[in-house]
Amino acid sequence: MKRALLIFGILALVLGGCAFMSGKSANNTMVELEQNALSSWSQVENVYQRRADLIPNLVATAQQYAEFEQSTLTNVAQARKQVSDIVVTEEVLNDPQLMEKFQESQNQLGQALSRFLSVAESYPNLKSNEQFNALMAELAGTENRISTERKRFIDATREYNTFVKKFPNNLWAGVFGYETMQTFQAQAGADKAPDVNEMFNR
């Protein structure tokens, strides 16, 4: 009887040790993948902020041309404000509705900028303005960066979410409080960054 209890105790210790090591390994991997995804998200926010920072200068340059369509400038400014009002925290990354609201505000800003560029085509003097052209080059580069950083974030969240959902990681995720992250839901044509230069030079 004592021998059976001893064997049972040893087995329990071995299994407990294996479970501890499995949990520790899963937790460490989840921490690493989560931090990688959050770091990727920081880069997305960084390039979105860069785009938002360019807008006041674009608007100010266009306002020098008194006949420029004021409603277009107003729409761009309002869309920028709406984007700036949304602060993306980890809570947003875990909430599908909040993430969708954030995406919608960024899409509206993109549409307002697209309209702005279409209107700008009608103003040859504006198109020949050196400052405006420099800003347009920066905007084109920023749009490409947005596409690149969003792709990296999508990849990072997919890797993290896949790991968290796999068995037995999903059990440890529940124990340690890890949840899946929200990512971008691509719209039609969102796989390509808008070609700002092409739009501007049509």
C-alpha atoms as a PDB file:
ATOM      1  CA  MET A   1       0.000   0.000   0.000  1.00  0.00           C
ATOM      2  CA  LYS A   2       2.806   2.365   0.935  1.00  0.00           C
ATOM      3  CA  ARG A   3       4.609   1.515  -2.300  1.00  0.00           C
ATOM      4  CA  ALA A   4       1.481   2.295  -4.339  1.00  0.00           C
ATOM      5  CA  LEU A   5       1.104   5.628  -2.551  1.00  0.00           C
ATOM      6  CA  LEU A   6       4.774   6.384  -3.175  1.00  0.00           C
ATOM      7  CA  ILE A   7       4.432   5.599  -6.881  1.00  0.00           C
ATOM      8  CA  PHE A   8       1.253   7.666  -7.055  1.00  0.00           C
ATOM      9  CA  GLY A   9       3.026  10.547  -5.297  1.00  0.00           C
ATOM     10  CA  ILE A  10       5.955  10.397  -7.696  1.00  0.00           C
ATOM     11  CA  LEU A  11       3.612  10.310 -10.696  1.00  0.00           C
ATOM     12  CA  ALA A  12       1.669  13.271  -9.273  1.00  0.00           C
ATOM     13  CA  LEU A  13       4.912  15.216  -8.826  1.00  0.00           C
ATOM     14  CA  VAL A  14       6.069  14.388 -12.353  1.00  0.00           C
ATOM     15  CA  LEU A  15       2.696  15.315 -13.869  1.00  0.00           C
ATOM     16  CA  GLY A  16       2.529  18.451 -11.769  1.00  0.00           C
ATOM     17  CA  GLY A  17       6.028  19.404 -12.869  1.00  0.00           C
ATOM     18  CA  CYS A  18       5.129  18.795 -16.508  1.00  0.00           C
ATOM     19  CA  ALA A  19       1.969  20.858 -16.148  1.00  0.00           C
ATOM     20  CA  PHE A  20       3.944  23.661 -14.473  1.00  0.00           C
ATOM     21  CA  MET A  21       6.536  23.683 -17.247  1.00  0.00           C
ATOM     22  CA  SER A  22       3.825  23.545 -19.918  1.00  0.00           C
ATOM     23  CA  GLY A  23       1.972  26.453 -18.299  1.00  0.00           C
ATOM     24  CA  LYS A  24       5.159  28.453 -17.863  1.00  0.00           C
ATOM     25  CA  SER A  25       6.159  27.890 -21.491  1.00  0.00           C
ATOM     26  CA  ALA A  26       2.678  28.762 -22.783  1.00  0.00           C
ATOM     27  CA  ASN A  27       2.522  31.899 -20.637  1.00  0.00           C
ATOM     28  CA  ASN A  28       5.961  33.075 -21.759  1.00  0.00           C
ATOM     29  CA  THR A  29       5.069  32.531 -25.411  1.00  0.00           C
ATOM     30  CA  MET A  30       1.754  34.369 -25.009  1.00  0.00           C
ATOM     31  CA  VAL A  31       3.546  37.294 -23.360  1.00  0.00           C
ATOM     32  CA  GLU A  32       6.048  37.432 -26.211  1.00  0.00           C
ATOM     33  CA  LEU A  33       3.424  37.195 -28.965  1.00  0.00           C
ATOM     34  CA  GLU A  34       1.130  39.692 -27.258  1.00  0.00           C
ATOM     35  CA  GLN A  35       3.944  42.209 -26.838  1.00  0.00           C
ATOM     36  CA  ASN A  36       4.926  41.729 -30.471  1.00  0.00           C
ATOM     37  CA  ALA A  37       1.337  42.427 -31.553  1.00  0.00           C
ATOM     38  CA  LEU A  38       1.111  45.495 -29.301  1.00  0.00           C
ATOM     39  CA  SER A  39       4.417  46.754 -30.661  1.00  0.00           C
ATOM     40  CA  SER A  40       3.111  46.295 -34.203  1.00  0.00           C
ATOM     41  CA  TRP A  41      -0.015  48.213 -33.223  1.00  0.00           C
ATOM     42  CA  SER A  42       2.129  51.073 -31.899  1.00  0.00           C
ATOM     43  CA  GLN A  43       3.695  51.343 -35.335  1.00  0.00           C
ATOM     44  CA  VAL A  44       0.248  51.457 -36.960  1.00  0.00           C
ATOM     45  CA  GLU A  45      -0.740  54.299 -34.633  1.00  0.00           C
ATOM     46  CA  ASN A  46       2.556  56.026 -35.349  1.00  0.00           C
ATOM     47  CA  VAL A  47       1.968  56.178 -39.105  1.00  0.00           C
ATOM     48  CA  TYR A  48      -1.686  57.121 -38.643  1.00  0.00           C
ATOM     49  CA  GLN A  49      -0.496  59.998 -36.462  1.00  0.00           C
ATOM     50  CA  ARG A  50       2.027  60.998 -39.118  1.00  0.00           C
ATOM     51  CA  ARG A  51      -0.810  61.205 -41.648  1.00  0.00           C
ATOM     52  CA  ALA A  52      -2.939  63.249 -39.249  1.00  0.00           C
ATOM     53  CA  ASP A  53      -0.024  65.621 -38.640  1.00  0.00           C
ATOM     54  CA  LEU A  54       0.334  66.307 -42.368  1.00  0.00           C
ATOM     55  CA  ILE A  55      -3.299  67.366 -42.786  1.00  0.00           C
ATOM     56  CA  PRO A  56      -3.131  70.841 -41.153  1.00  0.00           C
ATOM     57  CA  ASN A  57      -0.253  71.794 -43.470  1.00  0.00           C
ATOM     58  CA  LEU A  58      -2.102  70.487 -46.543  1.00  0.00           C
ATOM     59  CA  VAL A  59      -5.225  72.393 -45.556  1.00  0.00           C
ATOM     60  CA  ALA A  60      -3.273  75.571 -44.782  1.00  0.00           C
ATOM     61  CA  THR A  61      -1.537  75.412 -48.161  1.00  0.00           C
ATOM     62  CA  ALA A  62      -4.822  74.885 -50.007  1.00  0.00           C
ATOM     63  CA  GLN A  63      -6.458  77.756 -48.084  1.00  0.00           C
ATOM     64  CA  GLN A  64      -4.001  80.162 -49.712  1.00  0.00           C
ATOM     65  CA  TYR A  65      -6.099  79.681 -52.812  1.00  0.00           C
ATOM     66  CA  ALA A  66      -9.259  81.565 -51.844  1.00  0.00           C
ATOM     67  CA  GLU A  67     -11.422  79.800 -54.412  1.00  0.00           C
ATOM     68  CA  PHE A  68     -10.576  76.331 -53.075  1.00  0.00           C
ATOM     69  CA  GLU A  69     -13.717  74.400 -52.160  1.00  0.00           C
ATOM     70  CA  GLN A  70     -14.207  75.186 -48.459  1.00  0.00           C
ATOM     71  CA  SER A  71     -16.556  72.296 -47.748  1.00  0.00           C
ATOM     72  CA  THR A  72     -13.798  69.875 -48.772  1.00  0.00           C
ATOM     73  CA  LEU A  73     -11.349  71.487 -46.364  1.00  0.00           C
ATOM     74  CA  THR A  74     -13.971  71.386 -43.612  1.00  0.00           C
ATOM     75  CA  ASN A  75     -14.647  67.685 -44.219  1.00  0.00           C
ATOM     76  CA  VAL A  76     -10.941  66.860 -44.011  1.00  0.00           C
ATOM     77  CA  ALA A  77     -10.547  68.842 -40.784  1.00  0.00           C
ATOM     78  CA  GLN A  78     -13.612  67.206 -39.220  1.00  0.00           C
ATOM     79  CA  ALA A  79     -12.486  63.708 -40.219  1.00  0.00           C
ATOM     80  CA  ARG A  80      -9.071  64.392 -38.712  1.00  0.00           C
ATOM     81  CA  LYS A  81     -10.652  65.565 -35.455  1.00  0.00           C
ATOM     82  CA  GLN A  82     -12.829  62.457 -35.296  1.00  0.00           C
ATOM     83  CA  VAL A  83      -9.757  60.246 -35.687  1.00  0.00           C
ATOM     84  CA  SER A  84      -7.879  62.211 -33.026  1.00  0.00           C
ATOM     85  CA  ASP A  85     -10.768  61.822 -30.563  1.00  0.00           C
ATOM     86  CA  ILE A  86     -10.445  58.015 -30.516  1.00  0.00           C
ATOM     87  CA  VAL A  87      -7.777  56.670 -28.189  1.00  0.00           C
ATOM     88  CA  VAL A  88      -6.950  53.044 -28.920  1.00  0.00           C
ATOM     89  CA  THR A  89      -6.137  51.092 -25.769  1.00  0.00           C
ATOM     90  CA  GLU A  90      -5.756  47.347 -25.191  1.00  0.00           C
ATOM     91  CA  GLU A  91      -9.483  47.389 -24.376  1.00  0.00           C
ATOM     92  CA  VAL A  92     -10.200  48.543 -27.933  1.00  0.00           C
ATOM     93  CA  LEU A  93      -7.976  45.790 -29.342  1.00  0.00           C
ATOM     94  CA  ASN A  94     -10.105  43.261 -27.443  1.00  0.00           C
ATOM     95  CA  ASP A  95     -13.485  44.754 -28.411  1.00  0.00           C
ATOM     96  CA  PRO A  96     -14.796  44.152 -31.961  1.00  0.00           C
ATOM     97  CA  GLN A  97     -17.240  47.094 -31.871  1.00  0.00           C
ATOM     98  CA  LEU A  98     -14.687  49.623 -30.639  1.00  0.00           C
ATOM     99  CA  MET A  99     -12.146  48.406 -33.189  1.00  0.00           C
ATOM    100  CA  GLU A 100     -14.743  48.718 -35.942  1.00  0.00           C
ATOM    101  CA  LYS A 101     -15.489  52.291 -34.831  1.00  0.00           C
ATOM    102  CA  PHE A 102     -11.776  53.108 -34.998  1.00  0.00           C
ATOM    103  CA  GLN A 103     -11.472  51.600 -38.471  1.00  0.00           C
ATOM    104  CA  GLU A 104     -14.525  53.502 -39.675  1.00  0.00           C
ATOM    105  CA  SER A 105     -13.065  56.819 -38.515  1.00  0.00           C
ATOM    106  CA  GLN A 106      -9.794  56.079 -40.345  1.00  0.00           C
ATOM    107  CA  ASN A 107     -11.747  55.108 -43.481  1.00  0.00           C
ATOM    108  CA  GLN A 108     -13.688  58.372 -43.337  1.00  0.00           C
ATOM    109  CA  LEU A 109     -10.446  60.311 -43.088  1.00  0.00           C
ATOM    110  CA  GLY A 110      -9.094  58.405 -46.081  1.00  0.00           C
ATOM    111  CA  GLN A 111     -12.245  59.237 -48.072  1.00  0.00           C
ATOM    112  CA  ALA A 112     -12.017  62.914 -47.090  1.00  0.00           C
ATOM    113  CA  LEU A 113      -8.389  63.006 -48.223  1.00  0.00           C
ATOM    114  CA  SER A 114      -9.318  61.301 -51.481  1.00  0.00           C
ATOM    115  CA  ARG A 115     -11.982  63.961 -52.113  1.00  0.00           C
ATOM    116  CA  PHE A 116      -9.453  66.665 -51.217  1.00  0.00           C
ATOM    117  CA  LEU A 117      -6.993  65.303 -53.787  1.00  0.00           C
ATOM    118  CA  SER A 118      -9.691  65.133 -56.465  1.00  0.00           C
ATOM    119  CA  VAL A 119     -10.591  68.782 -55.876  1.00  0.00           C
ATOM    120  CA  ALA A 120      -6.906  69.772 -55.837  1.00  0.00           C
ATOM    121  CA  GLU A 121      -6.576  68.504 -59.407  1.00  0.00           C
ATOM    122  CA  SER A 122      -8.699  71.451 -60.560  1.00  0.00           C
ATOM    123  CA  TYR A 123      -6.200  73.990 -59.262  1.00  0.00           C
ATOM    124  CA  PRO A 124      -3.068  74.155 -61.462  1.00  0.00           C
ATOM    125  CA  ASN A 125      -1.455  76.804 -59.257  1.00  0.00           C
ATOM    126  CA  LEU A 126      -1.875  74.602 -56.204  1.00  0.00           C
ATOM    127  CA  LYS A 127      -0.500  71.589 -58.071  1.00  0.00           C
ATOM    128  CA  SER A 128       2.596  73.605 -58.973  1.00  0.00           C
ATOM    129  CA  ASN A 129       3.143  74.828 -55.397  1.00  0.00           C
ATOM    130  CA  GLU A 130       6.452  73.376 -54.118  1.00  0.00           C
ATOM    131  CA  GLN A 131       5.310  73.129 -50.519  1.00  0.00           C
ATOM    132  CA  PHE A 132       2.127  71.357 -51.556  1.00  0.00           C
ATOM    133  CA  ASN A 133       4.058  68.916 -53.727  1.00  0.00           C
ATOM    134  CA  ALA A 134       6.456  68.166 -50.853  1.00  0.00           C
ATOM    135  CA  LEU A 135       3.477  67.489 -48.584  1.00  0.00           C
ATOM    136  CA  MET A 136       1.932  65.265 -51.232  1.00  0.00           C
ATOM    137  CA  ALA A 137       5.156  63.247 -51.438  1.00  0.00           C
ATOM    138  CA  GLU A 138       5.112  62.833 -47.656  1.00  0.00           C
ATOM    139  CA  LEU A 139       1.465  61.795 -47.750  1.00  0.00           C
ATOM    140  CA  ALA A 140       2.165  59.213 -50.461  1.00  0.00           C
ATOM    141  CA  GLY A 141       4.980  57.754 -48.386  1.00  0.00           C
ATOM    142  CA  THR A 142       2.787  57.722 -45.291  1.00  0.00           C
ATOM    143  CA  GLU A 143      -0.049  55.889 -47.051  1.00  0.00           C
ATOM    144  CA  ASN A 144       2.435  53.205 -48.100  1.00  0.00           C
ATOM    145  CA  ARG A 145       3.716  52.948 -44.536  1.00  0.00           C
ATOM    146  CA  ILE A 146       0.164  52.591 -43.236  1.00  0.00           C
ATOM    147  CA  SER A 147      -0.405  49.658 -45.556  1.00  0.00           C
ATOM    148  CA  THR A 148       2.889  48.033 -44.520  1.00  0.00           C
ATOM    149  CA  GLU A 149       2.393  48.490 -40.772  1.00  0.00           C
ATOM    150  CA  ARG A 150      -1.215  47.304 -40.900  1.00  0.00           C
ATOM    151  CA  LYS A 151      -0.035  44.133 -42.639  1.00  0.00           C
ATOM    152  CA  ARG A 152       2.577  43.557 -39.933  1.00  0.00           C
ATOM    153  CA  PHE A 153      -0.044  44.071 -37.236  1.00  0.00           C
ATOM    154  CA  ILE A 154      -2.441  41.664 -38.950  1.00  0.00           C
ATOM    155  CA  ASP A 155       0.328  39.043 -39.124  1.00  0.00           C
ATOM    156  CA  ALA A 156       1.304  39.574 -35.476  1.00  0.00           C
ATOM    157  CA  THR A 157      -2.279  39.329 -34.193  1.00  0.00           C
ATOM    158  CA  ARG A 158      -2.930  36.255 -36.320  1.00  0.00           C
ATOM    159  CA  GLU A 159       0.107  34.519 -34.837  1.00  0.00           C
ATOM    160  CA  TYR A 160      -0.927  35.506 -31.300  1.00  0.00           C
ATOM    161  CA  ASN A 161      -4.596  34.548 -31.773  1.00  0.00           C
ATOM    162  CA  THR A 162      -3.676  31.194 -33.338  1.00  0.00           C
ATOM    163  CA  PHE A 163      -1.434  30.340 -30.420  1.00  0.00           C
ATOM    164  CA  VAL A 164      -4.049  31.389 -27.837  1.00  0.00           C
ATOM    165  CA  LYS A 165      -6.779  29.308 -29.505  1.00  0.00           C
ATOM    166  CA  LYS A 166      -4.762  26.101 -29.892  1.00  0.00           C
ATOM    167  CA  PHE A 167      -5.138  23.287 -27.366  1.00  0.00           C
ATOM    168  CA  PRO A 168      -3.805  23.167 -24.661  1.00  0.00           C
ATOM    169  CA  ASN A 169      -2.764  26.822 -24.926  1.00  0.00           C
ATOM    170  CA  ASN A 170      -6.427  27.862 -24.795  1.00  0.00           C
ATOM    171  CA  LEU A 171      -6.647  26.317 -21.304  1.00  0.00           C
ATOM    172  CA  TRP A 172      -3.620  28.253 -20.120  1.00  0.00           C
ATOM    173  CA  ALA A 173      -4.914  31.409 -21.810  1.00  0.00           C
ATOM    174  CA  GLY A 174      -8.050  31.099 -19.687  1.00  0.00           C
ATOM    175  CA  VAL A 175      -5.985  30.552 -16.528  1.00  0.00           C
ATOM    176  CA  PHE A 176      -3.691  33.518 -17.200  1.00  0.00           C
ATOM    177  CA  GLY A 177      -6.400  35.815 -18.607  1.00  0.00           C
ATOM    178  CA  TYR A 178      -5.282  36.106 -22.229  1.00  0.00           C
ATOM    179  CA  GLU A 179      -7.922  36.982 -24.826  1.00  0.00           C
ATOM    180  CA  THR A 180      -7.798  37.104 -28.600  1.00  0.00           C
ATOM    181  CA  MET A 181      -7.066  40.486 -30.157  1.00  0.00           C
ATOM    182  CA  GLN A 182      -9.110  42.275 -32.763  1.00  0.00           C
ATOM    183  CA  THR A 183      -7.450  43.036 -36.050  1.00  0.00           C
ATOM    184  CA  PHE A 184      -8.305  44.956 -39.190  1.00  0.00           C
ATOM    185  CA  GLN A 185     -11.146  43.763 -41.368  1.00  0.00           C
ATOM    186  CA  ALA A 186     -10.027  44.514 -44.885  1.00  0.00           C
ATOM    187  CA  GLN A 187     -12.397  46.321 -47.212  1.00  0.00           C
ATOM    188  CA  ALA A 188     -12.452  45.761 -50.948  1.00  0.00           C
ATOM    189  CA  GLY A 189      -9.183  47.060 -52.372  1.00  0.00           C
ATOM    190  CA  ALA A 190      -7.644  47.553 -48.943  1.00  0.00           C
ATOM    191  CA  ASP A 191      -4.805  45.201 -49.817  1.00  0.00           C
ATOM    192  CA  LYS A 192      -3.213  48.045 -51.793  1.00  0.00           C
ATOM    193  CA  ALA A 193      -2.231  51.451 -50.522  1.00  0.00           C
ATOM    194  CA  PRO A 194      -3.850  54.301 -52.464  1.00  0.00           C
ATOM    195  CA  ASP A 195      -1.486  55.768 -55.025  1.00  0.00           C
ATOM    196  CA  VAL A 196      -1.592  59.404 -53.982  1.00  0.00           C
ATOM    197  CA  ASN A 197       0.748  60.521 -56.739  1.00  0.00           C
ATOM    198  CA  GLU A 198      -1.370  58.855 -59.413  1.00  0.00           C
ATOM    199  CA  MET A 199      -4.533  60.471 -58.054  1.00  0.00           C
ATOM    200  CA  PHE A 200      -2.847  63.855 -57.932  1.00  0.00           C
ATOM    201  CA  ASN A 201      -1.326  63.709 -61.413  1.00  0.00           C
ATOM    202  CA  ARG A 202      -4.311  62.441 -63.366  1.00  0.00           C
END
